[in-house]
C-alpha cells in the first residue's frame, strides 16, 4: 500500500483557476488569495532548455507571441505579454521560469503539482531537466508532486530524481493503468473527472494509490467524487470549490 495522500485536497488549476491568466505569478497569488494551499501548473523547456511555465506547444494562445515554444529561447519568451489575452489589468504578466515560481510559492506558503508538458520530441530531456531543477529549487521544502501524460517524461524524471513523488495522468483511466503506474513508481493517479465512476475510484484506491480528479468545476460533482473516495480535486472554480472543500 502507498502512503496516504500527503497534500491538500483542493488544488487550484494552473495557479489561479478562472480568475487570472494561467501559469503566471499573479495566478499563484490569486489562488493563495482564495485560500488555496496548493496549485497545479504546466512546465516545459524553451529552445535553450530553460524550464518555464506554459501549457501549449506554442505561445500563441496565451501571449502576444507566435511559434513553437521549443524553438524560442527563453530571453525572447520572457519579453512576451502573457496577461493581456486574459484581461487588460494583467498586461505585462510573463511566462515565469520554474525558479521564479519556486520563490513565489515559498513566499505564499503553497505546495505545487508540476505537470511536465514536453514539446513533441523532447519528452525525455524535459522530464529529466524539470525533475533536477525541481529537486534543487525545492531543496529543504516540501517537494513538488510531478505529473505527466507522457510516460517517457515521467520515467526520465524518475530516473533523474527517484525521491520526488510522481502521479500519472490519464484522460480516462485505462484497463492497464495499474501496470503503468507501478512501473513508474507513482504515488497517485490523476484522471479526468468526467470518465470517473465509483467502480474506477474503488479500483484505484483498493490498489493503494491516491487519486486526483481534474478539472472539477461543479460543487455537486466534487461532492460525489469525494464520497467515492477521491483524494483531491483540481479546479478552475476556486470561488465555488473552496480550499476546504
C-alpha atoms as a PDB file:
ATOM      1  CA  UNK A   1       0.000   0.000   0.000  1.00  0.00           C
ATOM      2  CA  UNK A   2       1.184   3.522  -0.732  1.00  0.00           C
ATOM      3  CA  UNK A   3       1.265   6.282   1.872  1.00  0.00           C
ATOM      4  CA  UNK A   4      -1.880   8.397   2.399  1.00  0.00           C
ATOM      5  CA  UNK A   5      -2.327  11.475   0.194  1.00  0.00           C
ATOM      6  CA  UNK A   6       0.062  13.987   1.795  1.00  0.00           C
ATOM      7  CA  UNK A   7      -1.233  17.136   0.097  1.00  0.00           C
ATOM      8  CA  UNK A   8      -4.240  19.471   0.403  1.00  0.00           C
ATOM      9  CA  UNK A   9      -7.461  18.087  -1.030  1.00  0.00           C
ATOM     10  CA  UNK A  10      -8.260  21.165  -3.130  1.00  0.00           C
ATOM     11  CA  UNK A  11      -5.822  22.289  -5.833  1.00  0.00           C
ATOM     12  CA  UNK A  12      -6.013  25.471  -7.888  1.00  0.00           C
ATOM     13  CA  UNK A  13      -5.711  24.655 -11.587  1.00  0.00           C
ATOM     14  CA  UNK A  14      -2.861  26.427 -13.397  1.00  0.00           C
ATOM     15  CA  UNK A  15      -2.246  28.653 -10.402  1.00  0.00           C
ATOM     16  CA  UNK A  16      -5.432  30.662 -10.065  1.00  0.00           C
ATOM     17  CA  UNK A  17      -8.112  28.795 -11.973  1.00  0.00           C
ATOM     18  CA  UNK A  18     -10.506  31.016 -13.888  1.00  0.00           C
ATOM     19  CA  UNK A  19      -9.508  34.202 -12.062  1.00  0.00           C
ATOM     20  CA  UNK A  20      -6.082  35.013 -13.503  1.00  0.00           C
ATOM     21  CA  UNK A  21      -4.055  34.331 -16.641  1.00  0.00           C
ATOM     22  CA  UNK A  22      -2.930  30.719 -16.378  1.00  0.00           C
ATOM     23  CA  UNK A  23       0.604  29.758 -15.415  1.00  0.00           C
ATOM     24  CA  UNK A  24       1.667  33.252 -14.340  1.00  0.00           C
ATOM     25  CA  UNK A  25       2.918  34.515 -10.998  1.00  0.00           C
ATOM     26  CA  UNK A  26      -0.260  36.537 -10.476  1.00  0.00           C
ATOM     27  CA  UNK A  27      -2.207  33.291 -10.862  1.00  0.00           C
ATOM     28  CA  UNK A  28      -0.472  31.811  -7.817  1.00  0.00           C
ATOM     29  CA  UNK A  29      -1.110  34.985  -5.840  1.00  0.00           C
ATOM     30  CA  UNK A  30      -4.770  34.726  -6.843  1.00  0.00           C
ATOM     31  CA  UNK A  31      -5.044  31.116  -5.762  1.00  0.00           C
ATOM     32  CA  UNK A  32      -3.446  31.988  -2.432  1.00  0.00           C
ATOM     33  CA  UNK A  33      -5.824  34.940  -2.009  1.00  0.00           C
ATOM     34  CA  UNK A  34      -8.725  32.487  -2.291  1.00  0.00           C
ATOM     35  CA  UNK A  35      -7.123  30.432   0.462  1.00  0.00           C
ATOM     36  CA  UNK A  36      -5.654  27.604  -1.607  1.00  0.00           C
ATOM     37  CA  UNK A  37      -2.586  25.892  -0.202  1.00  0.00           C
ATOM     38  CA  UNK A  38      -1.691  24.002  -3.357  1.00  0.00           C
ATOM     39  CA  UNK A  39      -1.604  24.835  -7.064  1.00  0.00           C
ATOM     40  CA  UNK A  40      -1.074  22.846 -10.239  1.00  0.00           C
ATOM     41  CA  UNK A  41       0.804  24.261 -13.212  1.00  0.00           C
ATOM     42  CA  UNK A  42       2.415  23.250 -16.506  1.00  0.00           C
ATOM     43  CA  UNK A  43       6.142  23.376 -17.260  1.00  0.00           C
ATOM     44  CA  UNK A  44       8.218  22.768 -20.379  1.00  0.00           C
ATOM     45  CA  UNK A  45      11.598  23.716 -21.864  1.00  0.00           C
ATOM     46  CA  UNK A  46      12.479  26.644 -24.082  1.00  0.00           C
ATOM     47  CA  UNK A  47      14.840  26.269 -27.038  1.00  0.00           C
ATOM     48  CA  UNK A  48      17.782  26.870 -24.700  1.00  0.00           C
ATOM     49  CA  UNK A  49      16.477  24.381 -22.122  1.00  0.00           C
ATOM     50  CA  UNK A  50      15.152  26.837 -19.534  1.00  0.00           C
ATOM     51  CA  UNK A  51      12.230  25.355 -17.582  1.00  0.00           C
ATOM     52  CA  UNK A  52       9.299  27.768 -17.748  1.00  0.00           C
ATOM     53  CA  UNK A  53       5.519  27.743 -17.463  1.00  0.00           C
ATOM     54  CA  UNK A  54       3.307  27.084 -20.481  1.00  0.00           C
ATOM     55  CA  UNK A  55       0.553  24.596 -21.238  1.00  0.00           C
ATOM     56  CA  UNK A  56       0.506  24.592 -25.040  1.00  0.00           C
ATOM     57  CA  UNK A  57       3.174  23.611 -27.544  1.00  0.00           C
ATOM     58  CA  UNK A  58       3.041  27.146 -28.961  1.00  0.00           C
ATOM     59  CA  UNK A  59       2.986  30.544 -27.262  1.00  0.00           C
ATOM     60  CA  UNK A  60       0.135  31.825 -29.455  1.00  0.00           C
ATOM     61  CA  UNK A  61      -2.934  31.258 -27.258  1.00  0.00           C
ATOM     62  CA  UNK A  62      -1.680  32.792 -24.017  1.00  0.00           C
ATOM     63  CA  UNK A  63       0.661  35.542 -25.184  1.00  0.00           C
ATOM     64  CA  UNK A  64       1.231  38.131 -27.884  1.00  0.00           C
ATOM     65  CA  UNK A  65       3.889  35.921 -29.433  1.00  0.00           C
ATOM     66  CA  UNK A  66       3.833  33.274 -32.122  1.00  0.00           C
ATOM     67  CA  UNK A  67       5.559  29.988 -32.713  1.00  0.00           C
ATOM     68  CA  UNK A  68       6.616  26.749 -31.074  1.00  0.00           C
ATOM     69  CA  UNK A  69       7.959  27.185 -27.547  1.00  0.00           C
ATOM     70  CA  UNK A  70      10.691  24.644 -28.217  1.00  0.00           C
ATOM     71  CA  UNK A  71      12.103  26.902 -30.936  1.00  0.00           C
ATOM     72  CA  UNK A  72      12.208  30.134 -28.918  1.00  0.00           C
ATOM     73  CA  UNK A  73      14.996  30.939 -26.410  1.00  0.00           C
ATOM     74  CA  UNK A  74      13.772  31.992 -23.002  1.00  0.00           C
ATOM     75  CA  UNK A  75      15.100  35.562 -23.205  1.00  0.00           C
ATOM     76  CA  UNK A  76      12.570  36.142 -26.006  1.00  0.00           C
ATOM     77  CA  UNK A  77       9.787  34.273 -24.208  1.00  0.00           C
ATOM     78  CA  UNK A  78      10.378  36.424 -21.127  1.00  0.00           C
ATOM     79  CA  UNK A  79       9.604  39.554 -23.142  1.00  0.00           C
ATOM     80  CA  UNK A  80       6.187  38.332 -24.262  1.00  0.00           C
ATOM     81  CA  UNK A  81       2.975  39.635 -22.689  1.00  0.00           C
ATOM     82  CA  UNK A  82       1.237  36.618 -21.156  1.00  0.00           C
ATOM     83  CA  UNK A  83      -1.537  38.532 -19.370  1.00  0.00           C
ATOM     84  CA  UNK A  84      -3.351  40.848 -21.782  1.00  0.00           C
ATOM     85  CA  UNK A  85      -5.182  37.985 -23.513  1.00  0.00           C
ATOM     86  CA  UNK A  86      -6.943  37.353 -20.204  1.00  0.00           C
ATOM     87  CA  UNK A  87      -7.624  40.957 -19.243  1.00  0.00           C
ATOM     88  CA  UNK A  88      -6.152  44.412 -19.641  1.00  0.00           C
ATOM     89  CA  UNK A  89      -5.306  44.714 -15.952  1.00  0.00           C
ATOM     90  CA  UNK A  90      -2.962  41.726 -16.328  1.00  0.00           C
ATOM     91  CA  UNK A  91      -0.953  43.398 -19.087  1.00  0.00           C
ATOM     92  CA  UNK A  92       2.764  42.729 -18.712  1.00  0.00           C
ATOM     93  CA  UNK A  93       2.493  39.390 -16.945  1.00  0.00           C
ATOM     94  CA  UNK A  94       5.040  36.969 -18.324  1.00  0.00           C
ATOM     95  CA  UNK A  95       5.657  33.268 -18.562  1.00  0.00           C
ATOM     96  CA  UNK A  96       7.816  32.705 -15.474  1.00  0.00           C
ATOM     97  CA  UNK A  97      10.669  30.267 -15.046  1.00  0.00           C
ATOM     98  CA  UNK A  98      10.419  27.349 -12.674  1.00  0.00           C
ATOM     99  CA  UNK A  99      12.849  29.233 -10.428  1.00  0.00           C
ATOM    100  CA  UNK A 100      10.505  32.253 -10.368  1.00  0.00           C
ATOM    101  CA  UNK A 101       7.652  30.021  -9.286  1.00  0.00           C
ATOM    102  CA  UNK A 102       9.674  28.313  -6.571  1.00  0.00           C
ATOM    103  CA  UNK A 103      10.440  31.673  -4.969  1.00  0.00           C
ATOM    104  CA  UNK A 104       6.834  32.860  -5.297  1.00  0.00           C
ATOM    105  CA  UNK A 105       5.101  29.816  -3.854  1.00  0.00           C
ATOM    106  CA  UNK A 106       7.575  29.683  -0.986  1.00  0.00           C
ATOM    107  CA  UNK A 107       6.567  33.234  -0.086  1.00  0.00           C
ATOM    108  CA  UNK A 108       2.888  32.343  -0.454  1.00  0.00           C
ATOM    109  CA  UNK A 109       3.181  29.130   1.565  1.00  0.00           C
ATOM    110  CA  UNK A 110       1.821  26.969  -1.276  1.00  0.00           C
ATOM    111  CA  UNK A 111       2.605  23.421  -2.323  1.00  0.00           C
ATOM    112  CA  UNK A 112       2.698  22.567  -6.015  1.00  0.00           C
ATOM    113  CA  UNK A 113       1.931  19.906  -8.574  1.00  0.00           C
ATOM    114  CA  UNK A 114       4.211  20.385 -11.585  1.00  0.00           C
ATOM    115  CA  UNK A 115       2.686  18.899 -14.708  1.00  0.00           C
ATOM    116  CA  UNK A 116       5.541  18.119 -17.089  1.00  0.00           C
ATOM    117  CA  UNK A 117       4.315  19.240 -20.530  1.00  0.00           C
ATOM    118  CA  UNK A 118       7.065  18.327 -23.000  1.00  0.00           C
ATOM    119  CA  UNK A 119       7.094  19.689 -26.516  1.00  0.00           C
ATOM    120  CA  UNK A 120       6.884  16.925 -29.150  1.00  0.00           C
ATOM    121  CA  UNK A 121      10.136  15.001 -29.385  1.00  0.00           C
ATOM    122  CA  UNK A 122      11.525  16.481 -26.153  1.00  0.00           C
ATOM    123  CA  UNK A 123       9.864  14.148 -23.664  1.00  0.00           C
ATOM    124  CA  UNK A 124      12.911  12.596 -22.006  1.00  0.00           C
ATOM    125  CA  UNK A 125      15.047  15.718 -21.698  1.00  0.00           C
ATOM    126  CA  UNK A 126      12.084  17.711 -20.365  1.00  0.00           C
ATOM    127  CA  UNK A 127      11.288  15.143 -17.692  1.00  0.00           C
ATOM    128  CA  UNK A 128      14.919  14.889 -16.628  1.00  0.00           C
ATOM    129  CA  UNK A 129      15.603  18.648 -16.569  1.00  0.00           C
ATOM    130  CA  UNK A 130      12.419  19.607 -14.737  1.00  0.00           C
ATOM    131  CA  UNK A 131      12.960  16.896 -12.132  1.00  0.00           C
ATOM    132  CA  UNK A 132      16.541  18.010 -11.486  1.00  0.00           C
ATOM    133  CA  UNK A 133      15.548  21.679 -11.326  1.00  0.00           C
ATOM    134  CA  UNK A 134      12.619  20.921  -9.028  1.00  0.00           C
ATOM    135  CA  UNK A 135      14.779  18.930  -6.621  1.00  0.00           C
ATOM    136  CA  UNK A 136      17.271  21.796  -6.438  1.00  0.00           C
ATOM    137  CA  UNK A 137      14.743  24.640  -6.223  1.00  0.00           C
ATOM    138  CA  UNK A 138      12.602  22.977  -3.551  1.00  0.00           C
ATOM    139  CA  UNK A 139      15.548  21.624  -1.551  1.00  0.00           C
ATOM    140  CA  UNK A 140      14.676  21.828   2.138  1.00  0.00           C
ATOM    141  CA  UNK A 141      10.967  22.362   1.385  1.00  0.00           C
ATOM    142  CA  UNK A 142       8.021  20.050   0.814  1.00  0.00           C
ATOM    143  CA  UNK A 143       8.898  18.544  -2.581  1.00  0.00           C
ATOM    144  CA  UNK A 144       6.664  19.208  -5.571  1.00  0.00           C
ATOM    145  CA  UNK A 145       4.469  16.450  -6.938  1.00  0.00           C
ATOM    146  CA  UNK A 146       5.462  15.732 -10.543  1.00  0.00           C
ATOM    147  CA  UNK A 147       2.876  14.503 -13.028  1.00  0.00           C
ATOM    148  CA  UNK A 148       2.593  13.993 -16.762  1.00  0.00           C
ATOM    149  CA  UNK A 149       0.590  12.359 -19.523  1.00  0.00           C
ATOM    150  CA  UNK A 150       3.960  11.443 -21.041  1.00  0.00           C
ATOM    151  CA  UNK A 151       5.256   8.233 -19.539  1.00  0.00           C
ATOM    152  CA  UNK A 152       8.597   8.854 -21.227  1.00  0.00           C
ATOM    153  CA  UNK A 153       8.912  12.212 -19.471  1.00  0.00           C
ATOM    154  CA  UNK A 154       7.769  10.825 -16.133  1.00  0.00           C
ATOM    155  CA  UNK A 155      10.174   7.899 -16.372  1.00  0.00           C
ATOM    156  CA  UNK A 156      13.047  10.278 -17.139  1.00  0.00           C
ATOM    157  CA  UNK A 157      12.024  12.306 -14.088  1.00  0.00           C
ATOM    158  CA  UNK A 158      12.009   9.119 -12.000  1.00  0.00           C
ATOM    159  CA  UNK A 159      15.484   8.146 -13.129  1.00  0.00           C
ATOM    160  CA  UNK A 160      16.842  11.658 -12.540  1.00  0.00           C
ATOM    161  CA  UNK A 161      15.235  12.217  -9.130  1.00  0.00           C
ATOM    162  CA  UNK A 162      13.698   8.991  -7.819  1.00  0.00           C
ATOM    163  CA  UNK A 163      12.754  10.535  -4.463  1.00  0.00           C
ATOM    164  CA  UNK A 164      10.384  13.116  -5.957  1.00  0.00           C
ATOM    165  CA  UNK A 165       6.750  11.948  -5.797  1.00  0.00           C
ATOM    166  CA  UNK A 166       5.002  11.251  -9.089  1.00  0.00           C
ATOM    167  CA  UNK A 167       1.494  10.956 -10.478  1.00  0.00           C
ATOM    168  CA  UNK A 168       0.486   9.512 -13.852  1.00  0.00           C
ATOM    169  CA  UNK A 169      -2.109  11.486 -15.797  1.00  0.00           C
ATOM    170  CA  UNK A 170      -4.953   9.934 -17.779  1.00  0.00           C
ATOM    171  CA  UNK A 171      -7.944  11.409 -19.545  1.00  0.00           C
ATOM    172  CA  UNK A 172      -9.778   8.137 -18.959  1.00  0.00           C
ATOM    173  CA  UNK A 173      -8.251   5.509 -16.669  1.00  0.00           C
ATOM    174  CA  UNK A 174      -7.314   2.605 -18.979  1.00  0.00           C
ATOM    175  CA  UNK A 175      -7.537  -1.101 -18.270  1.00  0.00           C
ATOM    176  CA  UNK A 176      -3.752  -1.375 -17.793  1.00  0.00           C
ATOM    177  CA  UNK A 177      -3.492   1.676 -15.500  1.00  0.00           C
ATOM    178  CA  UNK A 178      -2.035  -0.291 -12.595  1.00  0.00           C
ATOM    179  CA  UNK A 179       0.827  -1.848 -14.573  1.00  0.00           C
ATOM    180  CA  UNK A 180       1.796   1.544 -15.996  1.00  0.00           C
ATOM    181  CA  UNK A 181       1.504   3.374 -12.682  1.00  0.00           C
ATOM    182  CA  UNK A 182       3.519   0.768 -10.796  1.00  0.00           C
ATOM    183  CA  UNK A 183       6.257   0.758 -13.455  1.00  0.00           C
ATOM    184  CA  UNK A 184       6.767   4.472 -12.876  1.00  0.00           C
ATOM    185  CA  UNK A 185       6.673   4.050  -9.059  1.00  0.00           C
ATOM    186  CA  UNK A 186       3.871   6.567  -8.767  1.00  0.00           C
ATOM    187  CA  UNK A 187       2.137   7.801  -5.649  1.00  0.00           C
ATOM    188  CA  UNK A 188      -1.035   8.744  -7.451  1.00  0.00           C
ATOM    189  CA  UNK A 189      -3.291   8.511 -10.473  1.00  0.00           C
ATOM    190  CA  UNK A 190      -4.579  11.807 -11.902  1.00  0.00           C
ATOM    191  CA  UNK A 191      -7.708  11.373 -14.010  1.00  0.00           C
ATOM    192  CA  UNK A 192     -10.246  13.438 -15.904  1.00  0.00           C
ATOM    193  CA  UNK A 193     -13.267  13.542 -13.640  1.00  0.00           C
ATOM    194  CA  UNK A 194     -15.865  13.087 -16.404  1.00  0.00           C
ATOM    195  CA  UNK A 195     -14.760   9.500 -17.045  1.00  0.00           C
ATOM    196  CA  UNK A 196     -14.597   8.507 -13.374  1.00  0.00           C
ATOM    197  CA  UNK A 197     -17.212   6.432 -11.624  1.00  0.00           C
ATOM    198  CA  UNK A 198     -17.416   4.763  -8.235  1.00  0.00           C
ATOM    199  CA  UNK A 199     -16.021   1.471  -9.545  1.00  0.00           C
ATOM    200  CA  UNK A 200     -12.911   3.041 -11.068  1.00  0.00           C
ATOM    201  CA  UNK A 201     -12.281   5.063  -7.914  1.00  0.00           C
ATOM    202  CA  UNK A 202     -12.636   1.936  -5.786  1.00  0.00           C
ATOM    203  CA  UNK A 203     -10.215   0.012  -8.036  1.00  0.00           C
ATOM    204  CA  UNK A 204      -7.535   2.698  -7.792  1.00  0.00           C
ATOM    205  CA  UNK A 205      -7.945   3.159  -4.066  1.00  0.00           C
ATOM    206  CA  UNK A 206      -8.023  -0.558  -3.265  1.00  0.00           C
ATOM    207  CA  UNK A 207      -4.731  -0.941  -5.145  1.00  0.00           C
ATOM    208  CA  UNK A 208      -3.151   1.517  -2.718  1.00  0.00           C
ATOM    209  CA  UNK A 209      -2.847   4.598  -4.945  1.00  0.00           C
ATOM    210  CA  UNK A 210      -4.086   8.091  -4.290  1.00  0.00           C
ATOM    211  CA  UNK A 211      -6.449   9.595  -6.863  1.00  0.00           C
ATOM    212  CA  UNK A 212      -6.712  13.207  -8.001  1.00  0.00           C
ATOM    213  CA  UNK A 213      -9.596  14.271 -10.249  1.00  0.00           C
ATOM    214  CA  UNK A 214      -9.334  17.169 -12.717  1.00  0.00           C
ATOM    215  CA  UNK A 215     -10.771  19.683 -13.711  1.00  0.00           C
ATOM    216  CA  UNK A 216     -13.821  19.722 -11.433  1.00  0.00           C
ATOM    217  CA  UNK A 217     -15.842  22.948 -11.533  1.00  0.00           C
ATOM    218  CA  UNK A 218     -19.218  21.838 -10.176  1.00  0.00           C
ATOM    219  CA  UNK A 219     -19.533  21.582  -6.362  1.00  0.00           C
ATOM    220  CA  UNK A 220     -22.141  18.816  -6.665  1.00  0.00           C
ATOM    221  CA  UNK A 221     -19.788  16.744  -8.797  1.00  0.00           C
ATOM    222  CA  UNK A 222     -16.925  17.468  -6.418  1.00  0.00           C
ATOM    223  CA  UNK A 223     -19.008  16.201  -3.500  1.00  0.00           C
ATOM    224  CA  UNK A 224     -19.857  12.968  -5.328  1.00  0.00           C
ATOM    225  CA  UNK A 225     -16.215  12.332  -6.185  1.00  0.00           C
ATOM    226  CA  UNK A 226     -15.151  12.858  -2.599  1.00  0.00           C
ATOM    227  CA  UNK A 227     -17.853  10.495  -1.373  1.00  0.00           C
ATOM    228  CA  UNK A 228     -16.480   7.832  -3.723  1.00  0.00           C
ATOM    229  CA  UNK A 229     -13.041   8.262  -2.156  1.00  0.00           C
ATOM    230  CA  UNK A 230     -11.196  10.642  -4.498  1.00  0.00           C
ATOM    231  CA  UNK A 231      -8.328  12.202  -2.542  1.00  0.00           C
ATOM    232  CA  UNK A 232      -8.045  15.579  -4.253  1.00  0.00           C
ATOM    233  CA  UNK A 233      -9.904  17.886  -6.612  1.00  0.00           C
ATOM    234  CA  UNK A 234      -8.187  20.204  -9.116  1.00  0.00           C
ATOM    235  CA  UNK A 235     -10.466  23.092 -10.049  1.00  0.00           C
ATOM    236  CA  UNK A 236     -10.770  26.275 -12.089  1.00  0.00           C
ATOM    237  CA  UNK A 237     -13.694  27.491  -9.991  1.00  0.00           C
ATOM    238  CA  UNK A 238     -11.736  28.453  -6.927  1.00  0.00           C
ATOM    239  CA  UNK A 239     -14.675  30.620  -5.917  1.00  0.00           C
ATOM    240  CA  UNK A 240     -17.194  27.740  -5.820  1.00  0.00           C
ATOM    241  CA  UNK A 241     -14.955  24.886  -4.690  1.00  0.00           C
ATOM    242  CA  UNK A 242     -13.028  26.311  -1.783  1.00  0.00           C
ATOM    243  CA  UNK A 243      -9.750  25.187  -0.286  1.00  0.00           C
ATOM    244  CA  UNK A 244     -11.515  23.254   2.478  1.00  0.00           C
ATOM    245  CA  UNK A 245     -13.904  21.534   0.039  1.00  0.00           C
END
